[in-house]
Amino acid sequence: MAVTLTEAAARHVQKYLARRGKGVGVRLGVKTTGCSGLAYKLEYADAVAPEDIVFEAHGVKVLVDPKSLPYLDGTELDFVREGLNEGFKFHNPNERDRCGCGESFRV
């Protein structure tokens, strides 16, 4: 089981954590919501919780809670710029469908 980051995502996280002046990495999870059932949760993490499963890519820690891991296994987190927009993009092999608005997905 693994969750990874691209070099672009790792660079973005490292820059943001340096600007914040604290943090150990990013916390990635899923929550029940939206038209398709699940949505990604992504936040900067200041500490590793005892239950966290920790992955590391390009020097950045990705923390995942055990309940979210089956939905996220194999996911690659990327940071992309498309025109004037920029943000994280999830490449999840477990996704079977996405809602029309792009906010939620189904496995």
PDB file of N, CA and C in Angstrom:
ATOM      1  N   MET A   1       0.848  -1.186   0.000  1.00  0.00           N
ATOM      2  CA  MET A   1       0.000   0.000   0.000  1.00  0.00           C
ATOM      3  C   MET A   1       0.885   1.237   0.000  1.00  0.00           C
ATOM      4  N   ALA A   2       0.491   2.215  -0.817  1.00  0.00           N
ATOM      5  CA  ALA A   2       1.310   3.419  -0.882  1.00  0.00           C
ATOM      6  C   ALA A   2       0.514   4.615  -1.389  1.00  0.00           C
ATOM      7  N   VAL A   3       0.893   5.772  -0.923  1.00  0.00           N
ATOM      8  CA  VAL A   3       0.400   7.052  -1.412  1.00  0.00           C
ATOM      9  C   VAL A   3       1.652   7.871  -1.707  1.00  0.00           C
ATOM     10  N   THR A   4       1.723   8.469  -2.894  1.00  0.00           N
ATOM     11  CA  THR A   4       2.937   9.180  -3.295  1.00  0.00           C
ATOM     12  C   THR A   4       2.628  10.609  -3.721  1.00  0.00           C
ATOM     13  N   LEU A   5       3.696  11.393  -3.827  1.00  0.00           N
ATOM     14  CA  LEU A   5       3.616  12.758  -4.336  1.00  0.00           C
ATOM     15  C   LEU A   5       4.561  12.874  -5.520  1.00  0.00           C
ATOM     16  N   THR A   6       4.189  13.703  -6.480  1.00  0.00           N
ATOM     17  CA  THR A   6       5.115  14.026  -7.557  1.00  0.00           C
ATOM     18  C   THR A   6       6.130  15.031  -7.011  1.00  0.00           C
ATOM     19  N   GLU A   7       7.195  15.258  -7.780  1.00  0.00           N
ATOM     20  CA  GLU A   7       8.186  16.258  -7.367  1.00  0.00           C
ATOM     21  C   GLU A   7       7.559  17.648  -7.262  1.00  0.00           C
ATOM     22  N   ALA A   8       6.647  17.965  -8.191  1.00  0.00           N
ATOM     23  CA  ALA A   8       5.983  19.279  -8.172  1.00  0.00           C
ATOM     24  C   ALA A   8       5.154  19.448  -6.900  1.00  0.00           C
ATOM     25  N   ALA A   9       4.432  18.413  -6.495  1.00  0.00           N
ATOM     26  CA  ALA A   9       3.629  18.482  -5.275  1.00  0.00           C
ATOM     27  C   ALA A   9       4.528  18.611  -4.052  1.00  0.00           C
ATOM     28  N   ALA A  10       5.603  17.845  -4.019  1.00  0.00           N
ATOM     29  CA  ALA A  10       6.530  17.907  -2.887  1.00  0.00           C
ATOM     30  C   ALA A  10       7.148  19.296  -2.763  1.00  0.00           C
ATOM     31  N   ARG A  11       7.575  19.885  -3.884  1.00  0.00           N
ATOM     32  CA  ARG A  11       8.149  21.238  -3.869  1.00  0.00           C
ATOM     33  C   ARG A  11       7.141  22.248  -3.316  1.00  0.00           C
ATOM     34  N   HIS A  12       5.889  22.138  -3.763  1.00  0.00           N
ATOM     35  CA  HIS A  12       4.856  23.068  -3.299  1.00  0.00           C
ATOM     36  C   HIS A  12       4.644  22.927  -1.789  1.00  0.00           C
ATOM     37  N   VAL A  13       4.552  21.696  -1.308  1.00  0.00           N
ATOM     38  CA  VAL A  13       4.351  21.462   0.129  1.00  0.00           C
ATOM     39  C   VAL A  13       5.541  21.992   0.918  1.00  0.00           C
ATOM     40  N   GLN A  14       6.751  21.715   0.469  1.00  0.00           N
ATOM     41  CA  GLN A  14       7.941  22.186   1.179  1.00  0.00           C
ATOM     42  C   GLN A  14       7.976  23.712   1.249  1.00  0.00           C
ATOM     43  N   LYS A  15       7.649  24.389   0.149  1.00  0.00           N
ATOM     44  CA  LYS A  15       7.626  25.856   0.135  1.00  0.00           C
ATOM     45  C   LYS A  15       6.583  26.391   1.114  1.00  0.00           C
ATOM     46  N   TYR A  16       5.397  25.772   1.105  1.00  0.00           N
ATOM     47  CA  TYR A  16       4.331  26.246   1.975  1.00  0.00           C
ATOM     48  C   TYR A  16       4.683  26.024   3.449  1.00  0.00           C
ATOM     49  N   LEU A  17       5.239  24.847   3.774  1.00  0.00           N
ATOM     50  CA  LEU A  17       5.619  24.574   5.164  1.00  0.00           C
ATOM     51  C   LEU A  17       6.707  25.540   5.626  1.00  0.00           C
ATOM     52  N   ALA A  18       7.652  25.864   4.747  1.00  0.00           N
ATOM     53  CA  ALA A  18       8.706  26.820   5.092  1.00  0.00           C
ATOM     54  C   ALA A  18       8.102  28.205   5.354  1.00  0.00           C
ATOM     55  N   ARG A  19       7.131  28.597   4.542  1.00  0.00           N
ATOM     56  CA  ARG A  19       6.462  29.891   4.726  1.00  0.00           C
ATOM     57  C   ARG A  19       5.678  29.928   6.033  1.00  0.00           C
ATOM     58  N   ARG A  20       5.040  28.795   6.374  1.00  0.00           N
ATOM     59  CA  ARG A  20       4.280  28.703   7.627  1.00  0.00           C
ATOM     60  C   ARG A  20       5.205  28.709   8.837  1.00  0.00           C
ATOM     61  N   GLY A  21       6.407  28.155   8.647  1.00  0.00           N
ATOM     62  CA  GLY A  21       7.350  28.079   9.755  1.00  0.00           C
ATOM     63  C   GLY A  21       7.146  26.874  10.645  1.00  0.00           C
ATOM     64  N   LYS A  22       6.249  25.966  10.262  1.00  0.00           N
ATOM     65  CA  LYS A  22       6.018  24.751  11.038  1.00  0.00           C
ATOM     66  C   LYS A  22       5.313  23.727  10.163  1.00  0.00           C
ATOM     67  N   GLY A  23       5.276  22.483  10.636  1.00  0.00           N
ATOM     68  CA  GLY A  23       4.581  21.421   9.929  1.00  0.00           C
ATOM     69  C   GLY A  23       5.490  20.263   9.601  1.00  0.00           C
ATOM     70  N   VAL A  24       4.890  19.072   9.521  1.00  0.00           N
ATOM     71  CA  VAL A  24       5.661  17.856   9.219  1.00  0.00           C
ATOM     72  C   VAL A  24       5.328  17.297   7.841  1.00  0.00           C
ATOM     73  N   GLY A  25       4.263  17.783   7.223  1.00  0.00           N
ATOM     74  CA  GLY A  25       3.858  17.273   5.914  1.00  0.00           C
ATOM     75  C   GLY A  25       2.402  17.562   5.652  1.00  0.00           C
ATOM     76  N   VAL A  26       1.761  16.681   4.867  1.00  0.00           N
ATOM     77  CA  VAL A  26       0.342  16.840   4.551  1.00  0.00           C
ATOM     78  C   VAL A  26      -0.441  15.638   5.044  1.00  0.00           C
ATOM     79  N   ARG A  27      -1.675  15.895   5.443  1.00  0.00           N
ATOM     80  CA  ARG A  27      -2.595  14.840   5.867  1.00  0.00           C
ATOM     81  C   ARG A  27      -3.628  14.674   4.759  1.00  0.00           C
ATOM     82  N   LEU A  28      -3.737  13.450   4.253  1.00  0.00           N
ATOM     83  CA  LEU A  28      -4.665  13.139   3.177  1.00  0.00           C
ATOM     84  C   LEU A  28      -5.676  12.120   3.678  1.00  0.00           C
ATOM     85  N   GLY A  29      -6.948  12.360   3.380  1.00  0.00           N
ATOM     86  CA  GLY A  29      -8.002  11.441   3.792  1.00  0.00           C
ATOM     87  C   GLY A  29      -9.201  11.579   2.880  1.00  0.00           C
ATOM     88  N   VAL A  30     -10.252  10.849   3.207  1.00  0.00           N
ATOM     89  CA  VAL A  30     -11.512  10.969   2.487  1.00  0.00           C
ATOM     90  C   VAL A  30     -12.624  11.212   3.492  1.00  0.00           C
ATOM     91  N   LYS A  31     -13.687  11.850   3.016  1.00  0.00           N
ATOM     92  CA  LYS A  31     -14.882  12.054   3.835  1.00  0.00           C
ATOM     93  C   LYS A  31     -16.090  11.733   2.984  1.00  0.00           C
ATOM     94  N   THR A  32     -17.167  11.353   3.629  1.00  0.00           N
ATOM     95  CA  THR A  32     -18.404  11.037   2.939  1.00  0.00           C
ATOM     96  C   THR A  32     -19.137  12.338   2.647  1.00  0.00           C
ATOM     97  N   THR A  33     -19.398  12.583   1.352  1.00  0.00           N
ATOM     98  CA  THR A  33     -20.061  13.823   0.946  1.00  0.00           C
ATOM     99  C   THR A  33     -20.331  13.801  -0.549  1.00  0.00           C
ATOM    100  N   GLY A  34     -21.024  14.794  -1.032  1.00  0.00           N
ATOM    101  CA  GLY A  34     -21.189  15.009  -2.468  1.00  0.00           C
ATOM    102  C   GLY A  34     -22.116  14.040  -3.162  1.00  0.00           C
ATOM    103  N   CYS A  35     -22.202  14.203  -4.470  1.00  0.00           N
ATOM    104  CA  CYS A  35     -23.111  13.405  -5.294  1.00  0.00           C
ATOM    105  C   CYS A  35     -22.629  11.966  -5.452  1.00  0.00           C
ATOM    106  N   SER A  36     -21.311  11.768  -5.473  1.00  0.00           N
ATOM    107  CA  SER A  36     -20.772  10.437  -5.733  1.00  0.00           C
ATOM    108  C   SER A  36     -20.368   9.679  -4.478  1.00  0.00           C
ATOM    109  N   GLY A  37     -20.393  10.333  -3.327  1.00  0.00           N
ATOM    110  CA  GLY A  37     -20.169   9.607  -2.088  1.00  0.00           C
ATOM    111  C   GLY A  37     -18.939   9.963  -1.281  1.00  0.00           C
ATOM    112  N   LEU A  38     -17.794  10.214  -1.926  1.00  0.00           N
ATOM    113  CA  LEU A  38     -16.563  10.494  -1.202  1.00  0.00           C
ATOM    114  C   LEU A  38     -15.896  11.746  -1.753  1.00  0.00           C
ATOM    115  N   ALA A  39     -15.188  12.466  -0.882  1.00  0.00           N
ATOM    116  CA  ALA A  39     -14.408  13.621  -1.307  1.00  0.00           C
ATOM    117  C   ALA A  39     -13.063  13.568  -0.602  1.00  0.00           C
ATOM    118  N   TYR A  40     -12.057  14.129  -1.233  1.00  0.00           N
ATOM    119  CA  TYR A  40     -10.720  14.164  -0.649  1.00  0.00           C
ATOM    120  C   TYR A  40     -10.642  15.249   0.415  1.00  0.00           C
ATOM    121  N   LYS A  41      -9.888  14.968   1.478  1.00  0.00           N
ATOM    122  CA  LYS A  41      -9.548  15.962   2.497  1.00  0.00           C
ATOM    123  C   LYS A  41      -8.038  16.113   2.439  1.00  0.00           C
ATOM    124  N   LEU A  42      -7.557  17.317   2.353  1.00  0.00           N
ATOM    125  CA  LEU A  42      -6.124  17.575   2.318  1.00  0.00           C
ATOM    126  C   LEU A  42      -5.840  18.773   3.199  1.00  0.00           C
ATOM    127  N   GLU A  43      -4.913  18.608   4.148  1.00  0.00           N
ATOM    128  CA  GLU A  43      -4.543  19.704   5.027  1.00  0.00           C
ATOM    129  C   GLU A  43      -3.080  19.555   5.431  1.00  0.00           C
ATOM    130  N   TYR A  44      -2.486  20.646   5.827  1.00  0.00           N
ATOM    131  CA  TYR A  44      -1.111  20.594   6.307  1.00  0.00           C
ATOM    132  C   TYR A  44      -1.133  20.059   7.725  1.00  0.00           C
ATOM    133  N   ALA A  45      -0.170  19.194   8.040  1.00  0.00           N
ATOM    134  CA  ALA A  45      -0.131  18.539   9.347  1.00  0.00           C
ATOM    135  C   ALA A  45       1.034  19.087  10.158  1.00  0.00           C
ATOM    136  N   ASP A  46       0.752  19.404  11.423  1.00  0.00           N
ATOM    137  CA  ASP A  46       1.788  19.903  12.317  1.00  0.00           C
ATOM    138  C   ASP A  46       2.417  18.799  13.156  1.00  0.00           C
ATOM    139  N   ALA A  47       1.737  17.642  13.236  1.00  0.00           N
ATOM    140  CA  ALA A  47       2.259  16.526  14.031  1.00  0.00           C
ATOM    141  C   ALA A  47       1.739  15.213  13.467  1.00  0.00           C
ATOM    142  N   VAL A  48       2.460  14.152  13.735  1.00  0.00           N
ATOM    143  CA  VAL A  48       2.046  12.811  13.335  1.00  0.00           C
ATOM    144  C   VAL A  48       1.234  12.221  14.484  1.00  0.00           C
ATOM    145  N   ALA A  49      -0.007  11.804  14.192  1.00  0.00           N
ATOM    146  CA  ALA A  49      -0.857  11.165  15.202  1.00  0.00           C
ATOM    147  C   ALA A  49      -0.460   9.694  15.322  1.00  0.00           C
ATOM    148  N   PRO A  50      -0.686   9.086  16.487  1.00  0.00           N
ATOM    149  CA  PRO A  50      -0.288   7.691  16.687  1.00  0.00           C
ATOM    150  C   PRO A  50      -0.898   6.721  15.672  1.00  0.00           C
ATOM    151  N   GLU A  51      -2.106   7.011  15.206  1.00  0.00           N
ATOM    152  CA  GLU A  51      -2.775   6.103  14.267  1.00  0.00           C
ATOM    153  C   GLU A  51      -2.413   6.358  12.803  1.00  0.00           C
ATOM    154  N   ASP A  52      -1.707   7.444  12.517  1.00  0.00           N
ATOM    155  CA  ASP A  52      -1.353   7.787  11.142  1.00  0.00           C
ATOM    156  C   ASP A  52      -0.454   6.738  10.500  1.00  0.00           C
ATOM    157  N   ILE A  53      -0.704   6.485   9.230  1.00  0.00           N
ATOM    158  CA  ILE A  53       0.192   5.689   8.410  1.00  0.00           C
ATOM    159  C   ILE A  53       0.993   6.712   7.612  1.00  0.00           C
ATOM    160  N   VAL A  54       2.312   6.619   7.678  1.00  0.00           N
ATOM    161  CA  VAL A  54       3.182   7.652   7.116  1.00  0.00           C
ATOM    162  C   VAL A  54       3.874   7.130   5.858  1.00  0.00           C
ATOM    163  N   PHE A  55       3.743   7.877   4.789  1.00  0.00           N
ATOM    164  CA  PHE A  55       4.469   7.628   3.545  1.00  0.00           C
ATOM    165  C   PHE A  55       5.372   8.827   3.323  1.00  0.00           C
ATOM    166  N   GLU A  56       6.476   8.622   2.643  1.00  0.00           N
ATOM    167  CA  GLU A  56       7.370   9.744   2.359  1.00  0.00           C
ATOM    168  C   GLU A  56       7.778   9.704   0.904  1.00  0.00           C
ATOM    169  N   ALA A  57       7.725  10.868   0.260  1.00  0.00           N
ATOM    170  CA  ALA A  57       8.122  10.988  -1.142  1.00  0.00           C
ATOM    171  C   ALA A  57       8.809  12.324  -1.342  1.00  0.00           C
ATOM    172  N   HIS A  58       9.985  12.309  -1.929  1.00  0.00           N
ATOM    173  CA  HIS A  58      10.747  13.522  -2.231  1.00  0.00           C
ATOM    174  C   HIS A  58      10.940  14.385  -0.985  1.00  0.00           C
ATOM    175  N   GLY A  59      11.122  13.728   0.164  1.00  0.00           N
ATOM    176  CA  GLY A  59      11.382  14.452   1.407  1.00  0.00           C
ATOM    177  C   GLY A  59      10.160  15.006   2.108  1.00  0.00           C
ATOM    178  N   VAL A  60       8.958  14.658   1.647  1.00  0.00           N
ATOM    179  CA  VAL A  60       7.722  15.156   2.262  1.00  0.00           C
ATOM    180  C   VAL A  60       6.918  13.975   2.801  1.00  0.00           C
ATOM    181  N   LYS A  61       6.425  14.136   4.020  1.00  0.00           N
ATOM    182  CA  LYS A  61       5.599  13.093   4.635  1.00  0.00           C
ATOM    183  C   LYS A  61       4.136  13.268   4.225  1.00  0.00           C
ATOM    184  N   VAL A  62       3.491  12.141   3.894  1.00  0.00           N
ATOM    185  CA  VAL A  62       2.057  12.104   3.624  1.00  0.00           C
ATOM    186  C   VAL A  62       1.450  11.233   4.716  1.00  0.00           C
ATOM    187  N   LEU A  63       0.552  11.809   5.511  1.00  0.00           N
ATOM    188  CA  LEU A  63      -0.071  11.105   6.626  1.00  0.00           C
ATOM    189  C   LEU A  63      -1.484  10.694   6.215  1.00  0.00           C
ATOM    190  N   VAL A  64      -1.811   9.428   6.426  1.00  0.00           N
ATOM    191  CA  VAL A  64      -3.121   8.903   6.037  1.00  0.00           C
ATOM    192  C   VAL A  64      -3.703   8.141   7.221  1.00  0.00           C
ATOM    193  N   ASP A  65      -4.976   8.382   7.517  1.00  0.00           N
ATOM    194  CA  ASP A  65      -5.616   7.620   8.594  1.00  0.00           C
ATOM    195  C   ASP A  65      -5.991   6.233   8.071  1.00  0.00           C
ATOM    196  N   PRO A  66      -6.008   5.228   8.940  1.00  0.00           N
ATOM    197  CA  PRO A  66      -6.256   3.846   8.512  1.00  0.00           C
ATOM    198  C   PRO A  66      -7.592   3.631   7.793  1.00  0.00           C
ATOM    199  N   LYS A  67      -8.635   4.382   8.142  1.00  0.00           N
ATOM    200  CA  LYS A  67      -9.940   4.212   7.495  1.00  0.00           C
ATOM    201  C   LYS A  67      -9.938   4.719   6.050  1.00  0.00           C
ATOM    202  N   SER A  68      -9.116   5.721   5.768  1.00  0.00           N
ATOM    203  CA  SER A  68      -9.059   6.286   4.415  1.00  0.00           C
ATOM    204  C   SER A  68      -8.147   5.493   3.485  1.00  0.00           C
ATOM    205  N   LEU A  69      -7.184   4.775   4.045  1.00  0.00           N
ATOM    206  CA  LEU A  69      -6.174   4.129   3.217  1.00  0.00           C
ATOM    207  C   LEU A  69      -6.729   3.193   2.148  1.00  0.00           C
ATOM    208  N   PRO A  70      -7.748   2.356   2.420  1.00  0.00           N
ATOM    209  CA  PRO A  70      -8.248   1.498   1.336  1.00  0.00           C
ATOM    210  C   PRO A  70      -8.762   2.277   0.119  1.00  0.00           C
ATOM    211  N   TYR A  71      -9.265   3.486   0.325  1.00  0.00           N
ATOM    212  CA  TYR A  71      -9.769   4.314  -0.770  1.00  0.00           C
ATOM    213  C   TYR A  71      -8.644   5.063  -1.482  1.00  0.00           C
ATOM    214  N   LEU A  72      -7.505   5.230  -0.800  1.00  0.00           N
ATOM    215  CA  LEU A  72      -6.410   6.042  -1.318  1.00  0.00           C
ATOM    216  C   LEU A  72      -5.209   5.235  -1.783  1.00  0.00           C
ATOM    217  N   ASP A  73      -5.203   3.936  -1.543  1.00  0.00           N
ATOM    218  CA  ASP A  73      -4.056   3.111  -1.891  1.00  0.00           C
ATOM    219  C   ASP A  73      -3.707   3.265  -3.372  1.00  0.00           C
ATOM    220  N   GLY A  74      -2.461   3.596  -3.655  1.00  0.00           N
ATOM    221  CA  GLY A  74      -2.008   3.774  -5.032  1.00  0.00           C
ATOM    222  C   GLY A  74      -2.165   5.193  -5.559  1.00  0.00           C
ATOM    223  N   THR A  75      -2.704   6.093  -4.758  1.00  0.00           N
ATOM    224  CA  THR A  75      -2.948   7.470  -5.198  1.00  0.00           C
ATOM    225  C   THR A  75      -1.638   8.249  -5.310  1.00  0.00           C
ATOM    226  N   GLU A  76      -1.546   9.038  -6.371  1.00  0.00           N
ATOM    227  CA  GLU A  76      -0.430   9.965  -6.542  1.00  0.00           C
ATOM    228  C   GLU A  76      -0.999  11.376  -6.476  1.00  0.00           C
ATOM    229  N   LEU A  77      -0.405  12.185  -5.632  1.00  0.00           N
ATOM    230  CA  LEU A  77      -0.820  13.578  -5.474  1.00  0.00           C
ATOM    231  C   LEU A  77       0.115  14.443  -6.307  1.00  0.00           C
ATOM    232  N   ASP A  78      -0.465  15.250  -7.183  1.00  0.00           N
ATOM    233  CA  ASP A  78       0.317  16.111  -8.057  1.00  0.00           C
ATOM    234  C   ASP A  78      -0.099  17.560  -7.809  1.00  0.00           C
ATOM    235  N   PHE A  79       0.765  18.492  -8.172  1.00  0.00           N
ATOM    236  CA  PHE A  79       0.430  19.913  -8.106  1.00  0.00           C
ATOM    237  C   PHE A  79       0.572  20.455  -9.516  1.00  0.00           C
ATOM    238  N   VAL A  80      -0.524  20.976 -10.068  1.00  0.00           N
ATOM    239  CA  VAL A  80      -0.529  21.389 -11.467  1.00  0.00           C
ATOM    240  C   VAL A  80      -0.991  22.837 -11.613  1.00  0.00           C
ATOM    241  N   ARG A  81      -0.497  23.452 -12.689  1.00  0.00           N
ATOM    242  CA  ARG A  81      -0.945  24.790 -13.083  1.00  0.00           C
ATOM    243  C   ARG A  81      -1.619  24.646 -14.437  1.00  0.00           C
ATOM    244  N   GLU A  82      -2.854  25.124 -14.524  1.00  0.00           N
ATOM    245  CA  GLU A  82      -3.606  25.080 -15.778  1.00  0.00           C
ATOM    246  C   GLU A  82      -4.139  26.480 -16.030  1.00  0.00           C
ATOM    247  N   GLY A  83      -3.475  27.191 -16.913  1.00  0.00           N
ATOM    248  CA  GLY A  83      -3.862  28.585 -17.152  1.00  0.00           C
ATOM    249  C   GLY A  83      -3.587  29.414 -15.915  1.00  0.00           C
ATOM    250  N   LEU A  84      -4.615  30.098 -15.424  1.00  0.00           N
ATOM    251  CA  LEU A  84      -4.470  30.919 -14.226  1.00  0.00           C
ATOM    252  C   LEU A  84      -4.722  30.130 -12.945  1.00  0.00           C
ATOM    253  N   ASN A  85      -5.200  28.895 -13.082  1.00  0.00           N
ATOM    254  CA  ASN A  85      -5.520  28.075 -11.918  1.00  0.00           C
ATOM    255  C   ASN A  85      -4.358  27.161 -11.555  1.00  0.00           C
ATOM    256  N   GLU A  86      -4.229  26.905 -10.269  1.00  0.00           N
ATOM    257  CA  GLU A  86      -3.243  25.940  -9.810  1.00  0.00           C
ATOM    258  C   GLU A  86      -3.813  25.221  -8.598  1.00  0.00           C
ATOM    259  N   GLY A  87      -3.381  23.982  -8.410  1.00  0.00           N
ATOM    260  CA  GLY A  87      -3.855  23.236  -7.266  1.00  0.00           C
ATOM    261  C   GLY A  87      -3.434  21.788  -7.320  1.00  0.00           C
ATOM    262  N   PHE A  88      -3.814  21.071  -6.286  1.00  0.00           N
ATOM    263  CA  PHE A  88      -3.491  19.656  -6.197  1.00  0.00           C
ATOM    264  C   PHE A  88      -4.445  18.845  -7.062  1.00  0.00           C
ATOM    265  N   LYS A  89      -3.911  17.803  -7.657  1.00  0.00           N
ATOM    266  CA  LYS A  89      -4.693  16.891  -8.483  1.00  0.00           C
ATOM    267  C   LYS A  89      -4.427  15.473  -7.978  1.00  0.00           C
ATOM    268  N   PHE A  90      -5.494  14.693  -7.857  1.00  0.00           N
ATOM    269  CA  PHE A  90      -5.394  13.335  -7.332  1.00  0.00           C
ATOM    270  C   PHE A  90      -5.482  12.338  -8.476  1.00  0.00           C
ATOM    271  N   HIS A  91      -4.474  11.483  -8.599  1.00  0.00           N
ATOM    272  CA  HIS A  91      -4.492  10.387  -9.571  1.00  0.00           C
ATOM    273  C   HIS A  91      -4.712   9.119  -8.755  1.00  0.00           C
ATOM    274  N   ASN A  92      -5.984   8.704  -8.635  1.00  0.00           N
ATOM    275  CA  ASN A  92      -6.364   7.588  -7.770  1.00  0.00           C
ATOM    276  C   ASN A  92      -6.861   6.426  -8.621  1.00  0.00           C
ATOM    277  N   PRO A  93      -6.140   5.306  -8.638  1.00  0.00           N
ATOM    278  CA  PRO A  93      -6.561   4.160  -9.447  1.00  0.00           C
ATOM    279  C   PRO A  93      -7.841   3.499  -8.943  1.00  0.00           C
ATOM    280  N   ASN A  94      -8.277   3.836  -7.732  1.00  0.00           N
ATOM    281  CA  ASN A  94      -9.491   3.253  -7.164  1.00  0.00           C
ATOM    282  C   ASN A  94     -10.762   3.976  -7.586  1.00  0.00           C
ATOM    283  N   GLU A  95     -10.627   5.168  -8.142  1.00  0.00           N
ATOM    284  CA  GLU A  95     -11.804   5.943  -8.575  1.00  0.00           C
ATOM    285  C   GLU A  95     -12.500   5.222  -9.717  1.00  0.00           C
ATOM    286  N   ARG A  96     -13.799   5.048  -9.584  1.00  0.00           N
ATOM    287  CA  ARG A  96     -14.598   4.440 -10.648  1.00  0.00           C
ATOM    288  C   ARG A  96     -15.429   5.478 -11.383  1.00  0.00           C
ATOM    289  N   ASP A  97     -15.731   6.582 -10.685  1.00  0.00           N
ATOM    290  CA  ASP A  97     -16.583   7.606 -11.269  1.00  0.00           C
ATOM    291  C   ASP A  97     -16.387   8.899 -10.494  1.00  0.00           C
ATOM    292  N   ARG A  98     -16.589  10.034 -11.167  1.00  0.00           N
ATOM    293  CA  ARG A  98     -16.557  11.356 -10.537  1.00  0.00           C
ATOM    294  C   ARG A  98     -17.873  12.053 -10.814  1.00  0.00           C
ATOM    295  N   CYS A  99     -18.291  12.880  -9.887  1.00  0.00           N
ATOM    296  CA  CYS A  99     -19.516  13.639 -10.126  1.00  0.00           C
ATOM    297  C   CYS A  99     -19.226  14.737 -11.151  1.00  0.00           C
ATOM    298  N   GLY A 100     -20.258  15.302 -11.709  1.00  0.00           N
ATOM    299  CA  GLY A 100     -20.118  16.318 -12.745  1.00  0.00           C
ATOM    300  C   GLY A 100     -19.374  17.563 -12.288  1.00  0.00           C
ATOM    301  N   CYS A 101     -19.517  17.927 -11.023  1.00  0.00           N
ATOM    302  CA  CYS A 101     -18.836  19.129 -10.536  1.00  0.00           C
ATOM    303  C   CYS A 101     -17.381  18.858 -10.176  1.00  0.00           C
ATOM    304  N   GLY A 102     -17.006  17.589 -10.107  1.00  0.00           N
ATOM    305  CA  GLY A 102     -15.616  17.229  -9.825  1.00  0.00           C
ATOM    306  C   GLY A 102     -15.232  17.264  -8.353  1.00  0.00           C
ATOM    307  N   GLU A 103     -16.207  17.472  -7.468  1.00  0.00           N
ATOM    308  CA  GLU A 103     -15.904  17.562  -6.041  1.00  0.00           C
ATOM    309  C   GLU A 103     -15.909  16.215  -5.333  1.00  0.00           C
ATOM    310  N   SER A 104     -16.575  15.219  -5.873  1.00  0.00           N
ATOM    311  CA  SER A 104     -16.626  13.927  -5.186  1.00  0.00           C
ATOM    312  C   SER A 104     -16.395  12.792  -6.166  1.00  0.00           C
ATOM    313  N   PHE A 105     -16.147  11.608  -5.614  1.00  0.00           N
ATOM    314  CA  PHE A 105     -15.862  10.447  -6.448  1.00  0.00           C
ATOM    315  C   PHE A 105     -16.440   9.193  -5.806  1.00  0.00           C
ATOM    316  N   ARG A 106     -16.442   8.116  -6.594  1.00  0.00           N
ATOM    317  CA  ARG A 106     -16.950   6.829  -6.136  1.00  0.00           C
ATOM    318  C   ARG A 106     -15.883   5.781  -6.405  1.00  0.00           C
ATOM    319  N   VAL A 107     -15.754   4.824  -5.489  1.00  0.00           N
ATOM    320  CA  VAL A 107     -14.792   3.718  -5.706  1.00  0.00           C
ATOM    321  C   VAL A 107     -15.532   2.431  -6.017  1.00  0.00           C
TER     322      VAL A 107
END
